Each structure stands twice: as C-alpha cells, then as structure tokens.
C-alpha cells in the first residue's frame, strides 16, 4: 500500500526561526526536508533550518519551492 504524502507547513517560530512541520511521519518527506536545509528537532514532526543565521525568508521560500517541485502540499506563512 502506498504512503500518503503529508502536508508540510513552513512558518516562523519565535524560538527556532523558520520551521517545518509534517501532518504525519513520512520517511521520504523527512529526507526531502533535510535536503532543503531542515533538521528534525525531536522525535516529533518539527524541523528547523540548520543555518539560522542565513536570510530566513529566502531560505523558507527556497524550501517551499523545492518541496512543491517534489510534489508535496506545502503551506507557509511567508513571514
């Protein structure tokens, strides 16, 4: 049975900067998030950009574009 692709949300977090969350666990989406610069923060579905000193808006926008290109449903707050 094929896995259902998760919805991914990218937003600003006061403590972690730009973060991504998934609606459910998916090893392929986990890998894609890591490829675009996110690192899993815990056993949950919360990821943060690994280089928070970079231009967070631009990094977030690039992540959204890359995830869309990988055919994931992505929402973002653009903040």
C-alpha atoms as a PDB file:
ATOM      1  CA  UNK A   1       0.000   0.000   0.000  1.00  0.00           C
ATOM      2  CA  UNK A   2       1.412   3.405  -0.979  1.00  0.00           C
ATOM      3  CA  UNK A   3       2.150   6.004   1.672  1.00  0.00           C
ATOM      4  CA  UNK A   4       0.016   9.130   1.697  1.00  0.00           C
ATOM      5  CA  UNK A   5       2.081  12.281   1.230  1.00  0.00           C
ATOM      6  CA  UNK A   6       1.966  14.550   4.270  1.00  0.00           C
ATOM      7  CA  UNK A   7       1.049  18.186   4.236  1.00  0.00           C
ATOM      8  CA  UNK A   8       4.044  20.299   5.144  1.00  0.00           C
ATOM      9  CA  UNK A   9       3.735  23.692   6.802  1.00  0.00           C
ATOM     10  CA  UNK A  10       6.613  26.168   6.875  1.00  0.00           C
ATOM     11  CA  UNK A  11       6.343  29.057   9.306  1.00  0.00           C
ATOM     12  CA  UNK A  12       8.272  31.328  11.640  1.00  0.00           C
ATOM     13  CA  UNK A  13       8.805  30.137  15.213  1.00  0.00           C
ATOM     14  CA  UNK A  14       9.889  32.586  17.930  1.00  0.00           C
ATOM     15  CA  UNK A  15      12.497  30.201  19.332  1.00  0.00           C
ATOM     16  CA  UNK A  16      13.665  28.191  16.294  1.00  0.00           C
ATOM     17  CA  UNK A  17      13.328  30.642  13.409  1.00  0.00           C
ATOM     18  CA  UNK A  18      11.970  29.066  10.240  1.00  0.00           C
ATOM     19  CA  UNK A  19      10.409  25.688  10.984  1.00  0.00           C
ATOM     20  CA  UNK A  20       8.616  22.987   9.052  1.00  0.00           C
ATOM     21  CA  UNK A  21       6.038  20.554  10.354  1.00  0.00           C
ATOM     22  CA  UNK A  22       4.514  17.494   8.725  1.00  0.00           C
ATOM     23  CA  UNK A  23       0.988  16.217   9.213  1.00  0.00           C
ATOM     24  CA  UNK A  24       2.316  12.682   9.736  1.00  0.00           C
ATOM     25  CA  UNK A  25       5.548  10.698   9.579  1.00  0.00           C
ATOM     26  CA  UNK A  26       6.888  10.041   6.102  1.00  0.00           C
ATOM     27  CA  UNK A  27      10.494   8.940   5.530  1.00  0.00           C
ATOM     28  CA  UNK A  28      10.674  10.417   2.026  1.00  0.00           C
ATOM     29  CA  UNK A  29       9.426  13.833   3.180  1.00  0.00           C
ATOM     30  CA  UNK A  30      11.883  13.631   6.091  1.00  0.00           C
ATOM     31  CA  UNK A  31      14.688  13.146   3.569  1.00  0.00           C
ATOM     32  CA  UNK A  32      13.449  15.979   1.317  1.00  0.00           C
ATOM     33  CA  UNK A  33      13.227  18.380   4.276  1.00  0.00           C
ATOM     34  CA  UNK A  34      16.823  17.523   5.189  1.00  0.00           C
ATOM     35  CA  UNK A  35      17.935  18.094   1.596  1.00  0.00           C
ATOM     36  CA  UNK A  36      16.453  21.601   1.600  1.00  0.00           C
ATOM     37  CA  UNK A  37      18.178  22.529   4.863  1.00  0.00           C
ATOM     38  CA  UNK A  38      15.926  21.428   7.725  1.00  0.00           C
ATOM     39  CA  UNK A  39      16.880  19.245  10.678  1.00  0.00           C
ATOM     40  CA  UNK A  40      14.463  17.262  12.831  1.00  0.00           C
ATOM     41  CA  UNK A  41      14.321  18.772  16.321  1.00  0.00           C
ATOM     42  CA  UNK A  42      12.910  15.794  18.207  1.00  0.00           C
ATOM     43  CA  UNK A  43      11.037  12.562  17.729  1.00  0.00           C
ATOM     44  CA  UNK A  44       8.042  14.609  16.579  1.00  0.00           C
ATOM     45  CA  UNK A  45       7.377  16.228  13.238  1.00  0.00           C
ATOM     46  CA  UNK A  46       9.078  19.593  13.916  1.00  0.00           C
ATOM     47  CA  UNK A  47      12.078  20.646  11.820  1.00  0.00           C
ATOM     48  CA  UNK A  48      14.166  23.837  11.882  1.00  0.00           C
ATOM     49  CA  UNK A  49      16.541  25.327   9.345  1.00  0.00           C
ATOM     50  CA  UNK A  50      20.068  24.227  10.206  1.00  0.00           C
ATOM     51  CA  UNK A  51      21.659  27.587   9.371  1.00  0.00           C
ATOM     52  CA  UNK A  52      19.506  30.138  11.225  1.00  0.00           C
ATOM     53  CA  UNK A  53      21.963  32.999  10.571  1.00  0.00           C
ATOM     54  CA  UNK A  54      21.151  32.963   6.853  1.00  0.00           C
ATOM     55  CA  UNK A  55      18.362  35.010   5.269  1.00  0.00           C
ATOM     56  CA  UNK A  56      15.423  33.114   6.771  1.00  0.00           C
ATOM     57  CA  UNK A  57      12.822  34.494   4.366  1.00  0.00           C
ATOM     58  CA  UNK A  58      14.815  33.448   1.343  1.00  0.00           C
ATOM     59  CA  UNK A  59      15.638  30.020   2.817  1.00  0.00           C
ATOM     60  CA  UNK A  60      11.972  29.460   3.609  1.00  0.00           C
ATOM     61  CA  UNK A  61      10.926  30.459   0.095  1.00  0.00           C
ATOM     62  CA  UNK A  62      13.523  28.139  -1.453  1.00  0.00           C
ATOM     63  CA  UNK A  63      12.340  25.292   0.750  1.00  0.00           C
ATOM     64  CA  UNK A  64       8.723  25.847  -0.315  1.00  0.00           C
ATOM     65  CA  UNK A  65       9.726  25.849  -3.996  1.00  0.00           C
ATOM     66  CA  UNK A  66      11.805  22.679  -3.611  1.00  0.00           C
ATOM     67  CA  UNK A  67       9.054  20.864  -1.734  1.00  0.00           C
ATOM     68  CA  UNK A  68       6.471  21.900  -4.347  1.00  0.00           C
ATOM     69  CA  UNK A  69       8.820  20.580  -7.050  1.00  0.00           C
ATOM     70  CA  UNK A  70       8.939  17.276  -5.134  1.00  0.00           C
ATOM     71  CA  UNK A  71       5.109  17.286  -5.323  1.00  0.00           C
ATOM     72  CA  UNK A  72       4.373  17.927  -1.651  1.00  0.00           C
ATOM     73  CA  UNK A  73       1.451  20.012  -0.473  1.00  0.00           C
ATOM     74  CA  UNK A  74       3.079  22.946   1.282  1.00  0.00           C
ATOM     75  CA  UNK A  75       1.623  25.925   3.121  1.00  0.00           C
ATOM     76  CA  UNK A  76       3.637  28.795   4.538  1.00  0.00           C
ATOM     77  CA  UNK A  77       3.006  31.986   6.439  1.00  0.00           C
ATOM     78  CA  UNK A  78       5.525  33.965   4.315  1.00  0.00           C
ATOM     79  CA  UNK A  79       6.559  35.824   7.477  1.00  0.00           C
END
